[in-house]
Protein backbone atom coordinates (compact mmCIF):
# COMPACT_ATOMS: atom_id res chain seq x y z
CA MET A 1 -137.21 26.79 61.42
CA ILE A 2 -140.27 28.80 60.38
CA ASP A 3 -140.86 32.16 62.02
CA PRO A 4 -144.36 32.05 63.59
CA THR A 5 -144.83 35.79 63.19
CA ARG A 6 -144.47 35.60 59.43
CA SER A 7 -146.93 33.95 57.08
CA ALA A 8 -145.87 31.45 54.42
CA GLU A 9 -147.82 33.42 51.80
CA PRO A 10 -145.77 35.55 49.40
CA CYS A 11 -145.88 39.32 49.80
CA GLY A 12 -148.73 40.96 47.89
CA VAL A 13 -146.69 44.03 46.98
CA CYS A 14 -143.47 42.53 45.59
CA GLY A 15 -144.80 39.05 44.74
CA GLY A 16 -142.28 37.33 47.01
CA ASP A 17 -139.21 38.84 45.38
CA GLY A 18 -138.47 41.28 48.25
CA ARG A 19 -137.55 44.01 45.79
CA LEU A 20 -139.44 46.58 43.75
CA HIS A 21 -138.44 47.70 40.24
CA ASN A 22 -139.60 50.85 38.52
CA ALA A 23 -139.69 51.95 34.89
CA TRP A 24 -136.27 53.64 35.11
CA GLY A 25 -134.50 50.54 36.33
CA GLN A 26 -134.29 51.50 39.97
CA ILE A 27 -134.52 48.71 42.52
CA ALA A 28 -135.63 49.17 46.15
CA THR A 29 -136.48 46.97 49.12
CA CYS A 30 -140.19 46.20 49.40
CA PRO A 31 -141.80 48.41 52.07
CA ALA A 32 -144.45 45.79 52.89
CA CYS A 33 -142.27 42.77 53.67
CA HIS A 34 -138.93 44.59 54.20
CA GLY A 35 -137.18 42.33 51.74
CA SER A 36 -138.20 38.93 53.19
CA GLY A 37 -140.66 38.17 50.41
CA ARG A 38 -143.28 36.84 52.85
CA ARG A 39 -146.49 38.56 53.82
CA ALA A 40 -146.33 40.15 57.27
CA GLU A 41 -148.99 39.10 59.73
CA ASP A 42 -151.59 41.77 60.42
CA ARG A 43 -151.22 42.74 64.07
CA GLY A 44 -153.98 45.36 64.11
CA PHE A 45 -153.60 48.89 65.37
CA HIS A 46 -150.09 49.91 66.37
CA ASP A 47 -149.94 53.06 68.47
CA VAL A 48 -146.89 55.13 67.61
CA THR A 49 -147.61 58.20 69.75
CA LYS A 50 -144.85 59.13 72.12
CA THR A 51 -146.48 59.40 75.51
CA LYS A 52 -143.55 58.51 77.74
CA PRO A 53 -141.98 61.42 79.66
CA SER A 54 -138.56 60.39 78.32
CA HIS A 55 -139.73 61.30 74.79
CA HIS A 56 -140.36 64.92 75.74
CA GLN A 57 -137.37 67.19 75.96
CA PRO A 58 -137.44 69.99 78.51
CA THR A 59 -138.29 73.41 77.15
CA ASN A 60 -135.66 76.13 77.04
CA ARG A 61 -138.20 78.88 77.67
CA ALA A 62 -138.06 80.88 80.85
CA LYS A 63 -140.82 80.22 83.33
CA VAL A 64 -143.62 82.75 83.24
CA VAL A 65 -143.54 84.85 86.38
CA GLU A 66 -146.94 85.95 87.58
CA LYS A 67 -147.34 89.66 88.00
CA GLN A 68 -147.64 90.79 91.57
CA THR A 69 -151.10 92.24 92.19
CA TRP A 70 -150.91 93.26 95.82
CA PRO A 71 -148.14 94.74 98.01
CA THR A 72 -146.20 92.25 100.15
CA THR A 73 -145.15 94.36 103.14
CA PRO A 74 -147.65 95.11 105.93
CA GLN A 75 -147.20 98.88 105.43
CA GLY A 76 -147.78 98.57 101.69
CA ALA A 77 -150.82 96.33 102.15
CA ALA A 78 -152.35 98.79 104.65
CA LEU A 79 -151.71 101.69 102.29
CA ALA A 80 -153.20 99.78 99.34
CA SER A 81 -156.26 98.91 101.45
CA ASP A 82 -156.75 102.60 102.18
CA VAL A 83 -156.46 103.35 98.47
CA ARG A 84 -159.00 100.65 97.65
CA ALA A 85 -161.45 102.05 100.23
CA SER A 86 -161.14 105.58 98.85
CA SER A 87 -163.64 107.23 96.51
CA LEU A 88 -161.24 107.41 93.54
CA ASP A 89 -162.04 105.84 90.18
CA ASP A 90 -160.80 102.30 89.47
CA ALA A 91 -158.06 103.35 87.02
CA THR A 92 -156.52 105.71 89.58
CA LYS A 93 -156.75 103.08 92.32
CA ALA A 94 -154.97 100.56 90.07
CA ARG A 95 -152.26 103.10 89.17
CA ILE A 96 -151.57 104.00 92.80
CA THR A 97 -151.54 100.32 93.87
CA ARG A 98 -149.07 99.55 91.04
CA GLU A 99 -146.93 102.47 92.23
CA ILE A 100 -146.87 101.00 95.76
CA ILE A 101 -145.85 97.58 94.41
CA ASP A 102 -143.08 99.13 92.29
CA HIS A 103 -141.79 101.14 95.25
CA GLU A 104 -141.66 97.97 97.38
CA SER A 105 -139.76 96.10 94.71
CA THR A 106 -137.06 98.77 94.49
CA HIS A 107 -136.83 99.86 98.13
CA GLY A 108 -137.91 96.73 100.00
CA GLN A 109 -140.44 98.58 102.12
CA CYS A 110 -142.66 101.65 102.10
CA THR A 111 -140.81 104.63 103.55
CA LYS A 112 -142.60 107.31 105.59
CA THR A 113 -141.99 109.88 102.88
CA PHE A 114 -143.51 107.59 100.25
CA VAL A 115 -146.56 106.86 102.44
CA LYS A 116 -147.15 110.62 102.89
CA LYS A 117 -146.81 111.18 99.14
CA ILE A 118 -149.36 108.46 98.35
CA ARG A 119 -151.82 109.59 101.05
CA LYS A 120 -151.79 113.13 99.53
CA GLN A 121 -153.02 111.62 96.25
CA PHE A 122 -156.22 110.16 97.67
CA ARG A 123 -156.97 112.09 100.88
CA PRO A 124 -158.11 115.69 100.76
CA ALA A 125 -155.98 118.26 102.54
CA ALA A 126 -157.15 119.16 106.05
CA ALA A 127 -158.94 122.50 106.28
CA PRO A 128 -157.04 125.10 108.36
């Protein structure tokens, strides 16, 4: 029975032999007809990109954790709001806010002593 996907014409690369010979006597299977000796039917464009999710292996990189930009506790947020409303320059405001965030991450909350320490940095001392 004749395969309908294959043409009866001989392969144009190997001449129908199915093998290729070179000048050094090496013999290989024809890359055009894969050894059948018949010309393969032109099927047009064949997409070989791997777009299925199963073709993509999961990455072994750690997920990027976004940096915290604002305190999470109510006391820390209130303190940071006071810092933001102060007349300090932006670099100092950012440094103090970062200090509040770091303190929260290590202690879990802003202690009274820490709040007093921070307030001294941006509020002027009361005149006696």
